[in-house]
């Protein structure tokens, strides 16, 4: 039998291990800003909670100012992204990637150029747009129970609070009678932020009623130029430290102090800064003057900007273009599969010729 002293030592070691795990989890999850709406969205919303998502497929930056780490995979795979899973059989993923290569290679010269990749990126981005439209139809029906084609702020508010656990009938009755709602401070702040977005999505002439198209802009601002501007203002407001409505490199790469004083935490911080510095200097700051304006950030955020798509195509090619011919061959895409699909493919060279 284990002695009491040995048991206590073992228990203490277990406690320290668990504490370290939780602290490391906190470092990985730290936010780029303090916007309550965005933090609440990131906590893991219920599937019935009709809240604008923080993550927008095919958009380079999240609603909270984080860079979209899956952007390259989203604009290369489109709807097929879910098929490439970490634990999928490499041979199956290899075959899927070969099929995609043949689709991108429209002139069938067995290599992909920037224009071919640009066309593909635009096509995959449009797929994400269509997915958002279909999802919006479902959500709109949920908040428009009388089917009159318009949703008032109060109707949305009732459905939103019901998804948060409030009694829907009681809330509806109190709102109808202009009675005070007993809502916690955090939920009220989320509602205030959502109401601002609601007003922005309400196209002229404003009537505080959203039709299906306006509701799409509310949930997915990337579908509306006006809402895209609003999203950019929100991001700059959160990151802009001196209030000049522009972003310097230091403002863009700033992050909260790490909660764990060890090398792993420092590596995470270093990667954050490196990724954001590269994106700021090489992509967002279009005229390379060291300042990002609202206009530059808006162009960067616009998923249907053809010029951005061409630049993205060139960058994606450069990542895997080992022979420096400004094109991608199949072997190169297979070798750098993790960049394009999030999935590593082993022994790609041994199997490529016999399978394709």
Foldseek 3Di string as FASTA:
>chain_A
DDDPVRVVVVVVVVVVVVVVVVQVVCLVPAAFFDQLLQVVLVVDADPQQQHQHQDQQLFQAGLRLAGDLCNLQQLQQQPCLVVFDAPDDLVVVLLVLVVSQCVLPVVPPQWHFLVSQLVSSLVSSVSSVVVLLVVLVVSVCVLCVVPPQKHALLSSVLSNVVSVPDDSVVSNVCVVVVHDDPDDPSVVSSSVVLVVLLQQLQDPPRDRIDGSVSSSCSNPVLVDLSSLLVSLQSNLVRQPDPPPQKDALCSSLDGDDRPDPDDVSVVVSVVSSVVRSCCVQPPQVVVNPRMHHSVSVSLSRNSNNSVSSSVVSQVVCVVQVPVPPNIGGSVSCLCVVCSNRVYHRPPCVVCVVVSD
